[in-house]
Protein backbone atom coordinates (compact mmCIF):
# COMPACT_ATOMS: atom_id res chain seq x y z
CA MET A 1 38.63 3.44 -67.66
CA THR A 2 37.23 6.87 -68.04
CA GLU A 3 37.36 10.05 -65.92
CA VAL A 4 34.38 10.82 -63.68
CA TYR A 5 33.84 13.33 -60.96
CA ASN A 6 33.25 12.04 -57.23
CA TRP A 7 32.07 14.88 -55.02
CA GLN A 8 32.60 12.89 -52.00
CA ILE A 9 36.37 12.83 -52.48
CA LYS A 10 36.35 15.97 -54.28
CA ARG A 11 38.35 14.98 -57.39
CA ASN A 12 38.07 13.11 -60.61
CA MET A 13 38.64 9.32 -60.62
CA SER A 14 38.76 6.31 -62.78
CA TYR A 15 35.77 4.23 -63.43
CA PRO A 16 35.05 1.72 -66.19
CA TYR A 17 32.00 3.58 -67.51
CA GLU A 18 31.25 7.06 -68.71
CA GLU A 19 29.45 9.76 -66.68
CA LYS A 20 25.71 9.02 -66.64
CA HIS A 21 23.19 10.10 -63.80
CA PRO A 22 19.52 9.81 -63.19
CA GLU A 23 17.27 12.58 -62.88
CA TRP A 24 16.50 11.77 -59.32
CA GLN A 25 18.54 9.62 -56.83
CA PHE A 26 17.20 7.39 -54.09
CA ALA A 27 19.00 8.44 -50.77
CA ALA A 28 18.58 8.19 -47.15
CA VAL A 29 20.22 9.53 -43.89
CA PHE A 30 20.53 7.25 -40.83
CA ASN A 31 21.05 8.69 -37.26
CA ILE A 32 23.21 6.10 -35.52
CA ASN A 33 22.95 8.02 -32.22
CA ARG A 34 19.21 6.90 -32.08
CA CYS A 35 19.62 3.15 -33.06
CA ILE A 36 18.47 0.60 -30.48
CA ALA A 37 19.48 -2.55 -32.79
CA CYS A 38 15.97 -3.92 -32.35
CA GLN A 39 16.36 -5.54 -35.97
CA THR A 40 12.82 -4.53 -36.84
CA CYS A 41 14.23 -3.16 -40.17
CA THR A 42 16.09 -6.35 -40.79
CA MET A 43 13.08 -8.66 -40.26
CA ALA A 44 10.72 -6.36 -42.06
CA CYS A 45 13.05 -6.64 -45.30
CA LYS A 46 13.49 -10.42 -44.55
CA SER A 47 9.89 -11.24 -44.45
CA THR A 48 9.16 -9.17 -47.52
CA TRP A 49 12.03 -10.24 -49.87
CA THR A 50 14.39 -12.92 -48.81
CA PHE A 51 12.11 -15.67 -47.48
CA SER A 52 12.53 -18.28 -50.29
CA LYS A 53 14.82 -21.21 -50.70
CA GLY A 54 18.41 -20.35 -51.35
CA GLN A 55 17.86 -16.95 -49.49
CA GLU A 56 18.33 -18.22 -45.94
CA LEU A 57 21.46 -16.41 -45.37
CA MET A 58 20.48 -13.36 -47.29
CA TRP A 59 20.10 -10.04 -45.17
CA TRP A 60 19.72 -7.32 -47.49
CA ASN A 61 19.28 -5.20 -44.44
CA ASN A 62 21.18 -5.72 -41.37
CA VAL A 63 22.22 -3.90 -38.22
CA GLU A 64 25.74 -4.82 -37.02
CA THR A 65 27.68 -3.79 -33.78
CA LYS A 66 30.83 -1.94 -34.27
CA PRO A 67 33.72 -2.24 -33.94
CA TYR A 68 33.64 -6.13 -34.10
CA GLY A 69 30.40 -6.92 -35.79
CA GLY A 70 30.01 -7.41 -39.58
CA TYR A 71 28.01 -9.19 -42.07
CA PRO A 72 29.50 -10.96 -43.82
CA GLN A 73 32.37 -11.15 -41.01
CA PHE A 74 35.15 -8.74 -41.33
CA TRP A 75 33.98 -7.27 -44.57
CA ASP A 76 35.33 -3.71 -44.05
CA ILE A 77 38.45 -4.90 -42.25
CA LYS A 78 39.43 -7.08 -45.31
CA LEU A 79 38.80 -4.51 -47.67
CA LEU A 80 40.43 -1.62 -45.75
CA LYS A 81 43.44 -4.18 -45.62
CA LEU A 82 43.41 -4.93 -49.47
CA LEU A 83 43.50 -1.36 -50.29
CA HIS A 84 46.16 -0.47 -47.62
CA ASP A 85 48.26 -3.19 -49.06
CA ALA A 86 47.72 -2.12 -52.55
CA HIS A 87 48.95 1.36 -51.65
CA GLU A 88 52.07 -0.04 -50.16
CA ARG A 89 52.81 -2.10 -53.13
CA GLN A 90 52.30 0.92 -55.45
CA GLY A 91 54.25 3.43 -53.04
CA LYS A 92 51.11 5.57 -52.37
CA THR A 93 49.36 6.78 -49.23
CA MET A 94 45.74 6.90 -48.22
CA ARG A 95 45.41 10.48 -47.20
CA TRP A 96 42.78 13.24 -46.83
CA SER A 97 43.77 16.84 -47.39
CA GLU A 98 42.76 19.64 -45.18
CA ASN A 99 40.07 20.76 -47.68
CA GLY A 100 38.71 17.17 -47.80
CA GLU A 101 40.08 15.90 -51.06
CA TYR A 102 41.20 12.24 -50.89
CA SER A 103 44.69 11.76 -52.51
CA GLY A 104 44.89 7.96 -52.26
CA MET A 105 43.46 5.40 -54.69
CA THR A 106 39.89 4.15 -54.82
CA ILE A 107 39.07 0.46 -55.36
CA PHE A 108 38.74 1.10 -59.06
CA GLU A 109 42.23 3.03 -59.37
CA ALA A 110 44.00 0.38 -57.01
CA ALA A 111 42.78 -2.45 -59.22
CA ALA A 112 44.44 -1.11 -62.36
CA LYS A 113 47.85 -2.51 -61.20
CA GLU A 114 46.55 -5.35 -59.02
CA LYS A 115 45.27 -8.70 -59.74
CA THR A 116 42.79 -10.35 -57.29
CA ARG A 117 42.89 -14.13 -56.68
CA ASN A 118 39.52 -14.53 -58.98
CA GLY A 119 41.24 -12.69 -61.78
CA GLN A 120 39.02 -9.62 -61.05
CA SER A 121 41.01 -6.55 -62.63
CA ARG A 122 38.18 -3.86 -62.77
CA VAL A 123 37.55 -3.46 -59.05
CA LEU A 124 39.67 -4.22 -55.94
CA GLY A 125 37.64 -6.73 -53.94
CA TYR A 126 37.55 -10.41 -52.47
CA LEU A 127 34.91 -13.13 -52.42
CA PRO A 128 33.98 -13.97 -48.60
CA ASP A 129 34.43 -17.46 -47.41
CA ASP A 130 31.11 -19.43 -46.98
CA ARG A 131 31.57 -19.38 -43.13
CA GLU A 132 31.67 -15.53 -43.15
CA TRP A 133 28.06 -15.50 -44.07
CA LEU A 134 26.72 -17.76 -41.45
CA LYS A 135 26.47 -15.41 -38.45
CA PRO A 136 24.66 -12.19 -39.33
CA ASN A 137 24.70 -11.02 -35.53
CA ILE A 138 28.23 -11.95 -34.64
CA GLY A 139 29.80 -9.49 -32.10
CA GLU A 140 26.24 -8.06 -31.16
CA ASP A 141 26.56 -5.61 -28.15
CA VAL A 142 30.32 -6.43 -27.86
CA GLY A 143 32.39 -3.26 -27.17
CA GLN A 144 36.17 -2.53 -26.95
CA PRO A 145 37.72 -3.85 -23.73
CA ASP A 146 37.07 -1.50 -20.76
CA LYS A 147 40.12 0.76 -20.67
CA THR A 148 38.92 3.04 -17.85
CA LYS A 149 41.30 3.86 -15.01
CA LYS A 150 40.37 2.15 -11.67
CA ASP A 151 41.94 2.58 -8.31
CA ARG A 152 43.13 -0.37 -6.09
CA MET A 153 39.69 -1.13 -4.92
CA GLY A 154 38.43 -1.34 -8.41
CA PHE A 155 36.44 1.76 -8.66
CA VAL A 156 36.57 4.15 -11.53
CA ALA A 157 39.37 6.70 -10.77
CA GLU A 158 38.13 9.04 -13.57
CA PRO A 159 34.62 9.58 -14.94
CA VAL A 160 33.41 8.34 -18.29
CA ARG A 161 32.38 11.48 -20.29
CA LEU A 162 31.89 12.78 -23.79
CA PRO A 163 33.30 13.58 -26.24
CA GLU A 164 34.78 10.13 -26.47
CA HIS A 165 34.24 6.98 -24.46
CA LYS A 166 37.36 4.50 -24.03
CA SER A 167 35.23 1.58 -24.12
CA PHE A 168 32.50 1.82 -26.75
CA PHE A 169 30.33 0.13 -29.54
CA PHE A 170 27.72 1.49 -31.72
CA TYR A 171 25.01 -0.02 -34.17
CA MET A 172 25.73 0.27 -37.72
CA GLN A 173 22.43 0.01 -39.99
CA ARG A 174 23.46 -1.22 -43.47
CA LEU A 175 21.66 -1.89 -46.89
CA CYS A 176 22.74 -1.44 -50.51
CA ASN A 177 24.00 2.19 -50.97
CA HIS A 178 22.70 2.32 -54.57
CA CYS A 179 26.02 4.00 -55.35
CA THR A 180 26.48 6.67 -57.91
CA TYR A 181 29.38 4.56 -59.29
CA PRO A 182 28.61 1.08 -58.22
CA ALA A 183 31.43 -1.47 -57.94
CA CYS A 184 28.97 -4.38 -58.72
CA LEU A 185 28.09 -2.67 -62.04
CA ALA A 186 31.71 -2.07 -62.96
CA ALA A 187 32.65 -5.55 -62.35
CA CYS A 188 29.84 -7.56 -64.05
CA PRO A 189 31.14 -9.13 -67.19
CA ARG A 190 27.42 -9.61 -68.46
CA LYS A 191 26.38 -6.11 -67.98
CA ALA A 192 23.49 -7.45 -66.07
CA ILE A 193 23.60 -4.71 -63.43
CA TYR A 194 22.31 -1.34 -64.08
CA LYS A 195 21.03 1.98 -62.39
CA ARG A 196 17.45 2.98 -63.03
CA GLU A 197 17.09 6.24 -64.85
CA GLU A 198 14.18 7.46 -62.92
CA ASP A 199 15.62 7.04 -59.38
CA GLY A 200 19.16 5.66 -59.37
CA VAL A 201 18.19 2.34 -57.86
CA VAL A 202 20.78 -0.27 -58.63
CA LEU A 203 19.32 -3.61 -59.85
CA ILE A 204 20.43 -7.01 -61.21
CA ASP A 205 18.80 -8.27 -64.40
CA GLN A 206 17.80 -11.79 -63.43
CA GLU A 207 17.69 -13.02 -66.93
CA ARG A 208 21.10 -11.81 -67.81
CA CYS A 209 23.01 -12.73 -64.70
CA ARG A 210 24.90 -15.94 -64.90
CA GLY A 211 25.93 -16.17 -61.18
CA TYR A 212 29.72 -15.52 -61.95
CA ARG A 213 29.58 -13.52 -58.33
CA LYS A 214 31.98 -10.76 -59.72
CA CYS A 215 29.48 -8.42 -58.10
CA VAL A 216 29.68 -10.08 -54.68
CA GLU A 217 33.56 -9.90 -55.15
CA ALA A 218 33.58 -6.10 -56.20
CA CYS A 219 31.02 -4.76 -53.70
CA PRO A 220 33.12 -3.11 -50.97
CA TYR A 221 30.04 -3.23 -48.79
CA LYS A 222 29.10 -6.91 -49.63
CA LYS A 223 25.56 -6.17 -50.37
CA ALA A 224 25.35 -8.12 -53.62
CA MET A 225 24.58 -11.79 -52.53
CA TYR A 226 24.64 -15.22 -54.22
CA ASN A 227 21.67 -17.47 -54.41
CA GLY A 228 22.86 -21.09 -54.39
CA GLN A 229 19.46 -22.45 -55.51
CA THR A 230 18.84 -20.16 -58.48
CA LYS A 231 22.53 -19.88 -59.31
CA ILE A 232 22.31 -16.14 -59.82
CA SER A 233 22.96 -13.01 -57.64
CA GLU A 234 20.47 -10.85 -55.81
CA LYS A 235 20.39 -7.60 -53.95
CA CYS A 236 18.38 -4.92 -52.33
CA ILE A 237 16.01 -3.40 -54.82
CA ALA A 238 15.07 -0.35 -52.64
CA CYS A 239 11.36 -1.58 -52.48
CA TYR A 240 11.13 0.30 -55.87
CA PRO A 241 7.36 -0.34 -56.40
CA ARG A 242 6.88 1.83 -53.32
CA LEU A 243 9.18 4.45 -54.74
CA GLU A 244 6.80 4.37 -57.75
CA GLY A 245 3.71 4.81 -55.58
CA ARG A 246 2.16 1.62 -57.02
CA ASP A 247 0.68 0.17 -54.04
CA SER A 248 -2.85 1.54 -54.02
CA HIS A 249 -3.42 0.23 -50.49
CA ILE A 250 -0.54 2.18 -49.03
CA THR A 251 -0.60 5.27 -51.19
CA PRO A 252 -4.08 5.57 -53.09
CA ASP A 253 -2.92 8.86 -54.59
CA GLY A 254 0.12 7.38 -56.17
CA VAL A 255 2.99 9.40 -54.32
CA PRO A 256 6.16 7.65 -53.38
CA VAL A 257 6.21 5.89 -49.99
CA GLU A 258 9.38 4.75 -47.85
CA THR A 259 10.92 1.22 -48.19
CA ARG A 260 9.92 -1.51 -45.85
CA CYS A 261 13.00 -1.14 -43.75
CA MET A 262 12.63 2.71 -43.34
CA ALA A 263 8.76 2.39 -42.75
CA SER A 264 9.27 -0.07 -39.93
CA CYS A 265 11.95 1.70 -37.99
CA VAL A 266 11.06 1.79 -34.25
CA GLY A 267 13.85 4.19 -33.19
CA LYS A 268 12.86 6.86 -35.88
CA ILE A 269 16.50 6.99 -37.07
CA ARG A 270 15.77 7.07 -40.78
CA LEU A 271 14.75 9.58 -43.27
CA GLN A 272 14.57 8.54 -46.88
CA GLY A 273 14.00 10.52 -50.09
CA LEU A 274 14.79 11.29 -53.65
CA VAL A 275 17.19 14.16 -54.54
CA ARG A 276 17.47 15.88 -57.86
CA MET A 277 20.78 15.27 -59.68
CA ASN A 278 22.87 17.59 -61.81
CA GLY A 279 24.34 16.11 -65.20
CA ASP A 280 27.96 15.87 -63.38
CA GLY A 281 26.60 13.66 -60.43
CA SER A 282 26.36 16.41 -57.86
CA TRP A 283 23.08 17.28 -56.05
CA ALA A 284 21.05 19.97 -57.58
CA LYS A 285 20.63 22.94 -55.04
CA ASP A 286 17.44 22.25 -53.19
CA GLU A 287 17.40 23.67 -49.63
CA GLU A 288 13.75 22.84 -49.33
CA ASN A 289 14.65 19.15 -49.43
CA PRO A 290 15.57 17.77 -45.85
CA LEU A 291 18.11 15.42 -47.32
CA TYR A 292 19.83 18.28 -49.16
CA TRP A 293 19.92 20.46 -46.08
CA MET A 294 21.62 17.82 -43.87
CA VAL A 295 24.02 16.27 -46.48
CA GLN A 296 25.08 19.38 -48.43
CA LYS A 297 24.15 22.43 -46.37
CA GLU A 298 24.68 21.41 -42.76
CA GLN A 299 26.93 18.46 -43.68
CA VAL A 300 25.94 16.62 -40.61
CA ALA A 301 25.33 13.28 -42.51
CA LEU A 302 28.25 11.45 -44.01
CA PRO A 303 28.97 8.56 -46.43
CA LEU A 304 30.24 5.16 -45.31
CA TYR A 305 33.87 4.58 -46.44
CA PRO A 306 33.90 7.50 -49.11
CA GLN A 307 37.56 6.45 -49.80
CA PHE A 308 36.20 3.30 -51.68
CA GLY A 309 35.19 5.68 -54.43
CA THR A 310 31.65 4.24 -55.10
CA GLU A 311 29.94 7.65 -53.93
CA PRO A 312 27.39 5.78 -51.73
CA ASN A 313 23.86 7.36 -51.36
CA ILE A 314 23.22 6.29 -47.83
CA TYR A 315 24.33 8.67 -45.30
CA TYR A 316 25.03 8.56 -41.49
CA ILE A 317 24.96 11.04 -38.62
CA PRO A 318 28.05 9.58 -36.74
CA PRO A 319 27.86 8.42 -33.10
CA ARG A 320 28.87 11.21 -30.59
CA TRP A 321 30.68 8.78 -28.21
CA ALA A 322 33.06 6.70 -30.45
CA PRO A 323 36.84 7.56 -30.83
CA ARG A 324 37.15 10.19 -33.65
CA GLN A 325 40.09 8.40 -35.35
CA TYR A 326 37.89 5.32 -35.87
CA LEU A 327 34.99 7.49 -37.16
CA ARG A 328 37.33 9.46 -39.46
CA GLN A 329 38.35 6.18 -41.05
CA MET A 330 34.72 5.04 -41.54
CA PHE A 331 33.05 8.35 -42.59
CA GLY A 332 35.87 10.68 -43.81
CA PRO A 333 37.45 13.98 -42.68
CA GLY A 334 34.19 15.82 -41.66
CA VAL A 335 33.35 13.68 -38.63
CA GLU A 336 34.19 16.35 -35.91
CA ARG A 337 32.14 18.87 -37.80
CA ALA A 338 29.18 16.63 -38.23
CA ILE A 339 29.14 15.54 -34.46
CA ASP A 340 29.31 19.09 -33.34
CA ARG A 341 26.58 20.20 -35.60
CA TYR A 342 24.27 17.38 -34.25
CA THR A 343 25.42 18.12 -30.57
CA ALA A 344 24.36 21.66 -31.04
CA PRO A 345 21.96 21.73 -33.91
CA SER A 346 20.88 24.76 -35.81
CA ARG A 347 17.22 25.79 -35.49
CA GLU A 348 16.54 24.28 -38.89
CA LEU A 349 18.31 21.17 -38.21
CA MET A 350 16.52 20.45 -35.03
CA ALA A 351 13.28 20.98 -36.67
CA ILE A 352 14.25 18.40 -39.56
CA LEU A 353 15.26 15.83 -37.03
CA GLN A 354 11.69 15.66 -35.90
CA LEU A 355 10.81 14.60 -39.49
CA PHE A 356 12.70 11.18 -39.14
CA ARG A 357 10.14 8.36 -39.56
CA ALA A 358 7.28 10.60 -38.97
CA GLN A 359 5.40 9.89 -41.88
CA ARG A 360 5.26 6.75 -44.55
CA GLU A 361 5.08 9.22 -47.48
CA ILE A 362 8.49 10.35 -48.86
CA ILE A 363 9.08 13.91 -47.84
CA PHE A 364 10.33 16.18 -50.78
CA LYS A 365 10.01 19.38 -49.24
CA PHE A 366 9.92 20.77 -45.73
CA ASP A 367 8.92 24.11 -44.07
CA ILE A 368 9.20 25.34 -40.53
CA LYS A 369 6.70 27.31 -38.55
CA LYS A 370 8.53 29.27 -35.87
CA GLY A 371 7.57 28.77 -32.25
CA PRO A 372 8.50 30.07 -28.81
CA GLN A 373 11.78 29.47 -26.94
CA ILE A 374 11.71 26.45 -24.88
CA TYR A 375 15.01 26.45 -23.15
CA GLU A 376 18.81 26.94 -23.50
CA LYS A 377 21.84 24.88 -22.52
CA GLN A 378 25.56 25.38 -22.66
CA LEU A 379 27.25 22.41 -24.55
CA THR A 380 30.97 21.36 -25.02
CA LEU A 381 32.15 20.74 -28.52
CA SER A 382 34.72 18.35 -29.92
CA ASP A 383 37.70 20.97 -29.44
CA GLY A 384 36.59 21.82 -26.04
CA SER A 385 34.99 25.10 -26.85
CA LYS A 386 31.54 25.96 -25.32
CA LYS A 387 28.41 26.88 -27.22
CA VAL A 388 24.97 27.83 -26.17
CA LEU A 389 22.13 25.77 -27.60
CA VAL A 390 18.86 27.63 -27.82
CA VAL A 391 15.80 25.41 -28.45
CA TYR A 392 12.44 26.51 -29.89
CA ASN A 393 9.33 24.58 -30.05
CA ASP A 394 9.18 25.20 -33.94
CA THR A 395 6.76 23.02 -36.09
CA ALA A 396 8.27 20.99 -39.03
CA ILE A 397 5.85 20.52 -41.83
CA GLY A 398 6.66 17.92 -44.53
CA TYR A 399 5.18 17.89 -48.09
CA ASN A 400 4.95 14.89 -50.57
CA LYS A 401 5.73 14.76 -54.14
CA GLU A 402 2.41 16.38 -55.15
CA GLY A 403 3.28 19.20 -52.81
CA LYS A 404 0.59 18.21 -50.38
CA GLU A 405 1.15 18.37 -46.65
CA CYS A 406 1.88 14.83 -45.31
CA VAL A 407 3.09 15.50 -41.82
CA ARG A 408 3.23 18.13 -39.11
CA VAL A 409 5.30 17.68 -35.98
CA THR A 410 6.69 20.01 -33.23
CA VAL A 411 10.20 20.07 -31.65
CA GLU A 412 8.44 19.43 -28.10
CA GLU A 413 6.47 16.31 -28.11
CA PRO A 414 2.88 17.07 -26.78
CA ILE A 415 1.76 15.48 -23.68
CA TYR A 416 -1.77 14.02 -23.42
CA GLU A 417 -3.47 13.48 -20.04
CA ARG A 418 -6.03 10.74 -20.15
CA PRO A 419 -9.58 11.59 -19.07
CA ALA A 420 -10.44 10.80 -15.27
CA LYS A 421 -12.90 8.13 -16.28
CA HIS A 422 -9.92 5.83 -17.40
CA PHE A 423 -7.74 4.03 -14.95
CA ASN A 424 -4.35 5.71 -15.22
CA SER A 425 -2.23 2.69 -14.53
CA ILE A 426 -0.88 -0.51 -16.23
């Protein structure tokens, strides 16, 4: 084990390999508040990459309903319990400090004194039972039991209102996180898994893989999957030909374009990009990059289970209505701040939110052309304080890798009235 720096948990941690980072890192932000669970992203990925024999139960991209959904079933509950039990056995606690530093053990550090059932010693993990892969939509649209107080007649005695709903569910969009410190890479005895130097995409060398399934066991998000026909493991490849701009039909000028799951998103919940990396694994300062602005500057988008220690590169804007304690376990200690900044967004963030899924080309740089004030509204934040949100009809402009303008959208969506010669009915 060597020491590497993980900025998401704000400390050095143990990892089997030495520090090494790509020049650019594939990353994305998902806005959970917008997702309608249409599964268009799921089927776009399925129809492109996993339609062959042996891939019937492979869903590289899936949308599951929290708190009860999961694919494979119970993937996060089982891993959290393994990590919790490891802390108890070793006399340690899983805690976040006030400044956001995680003092507990990661899945790499916990494994140092643990031995899993399959003999994996580099990463704390488990191998899902075959039955857990059978139902990708289990728990869909199932929320917590209704805990709302009612009177003797059965009518609601107190209103349901934000910031938290007592009965809740939300949709969680998942794919391979293309982690900075991948658990699958750390566990592979064949060294068949690697991160691409040009964009940080994590891939499995199909010729070196022998199907030991150590990657399936180690990945805390269970996004490495075993093909029973070919006897090797497979996973999301981030549609890297698109990142390279190699499809002349989609991008004749050769600029990077969004992956299949991103480009097909109906709810416009996704913004994908490439961020420049520093030598220590942190993001290079680039306030013109919309992903940098949301993740590093505004801190409105958070990683999924950062306490695992893999430093995932897929980020989420947390749902406003879910219990904060549940969300803190899932996204770390910055949940209240992230939700408040989404509830009452800054002028820049409001403009950036319009760029979500507005263009197929990857946006490397954004600019804002200021417009007139539209309205203002008083909002209540998580701590009960009030804030006045002022909204302007600004124009958000996105630029591709070549610096050319590829999209221009306004905060207020324009309304077009059909000419009188058309029937205005359905």
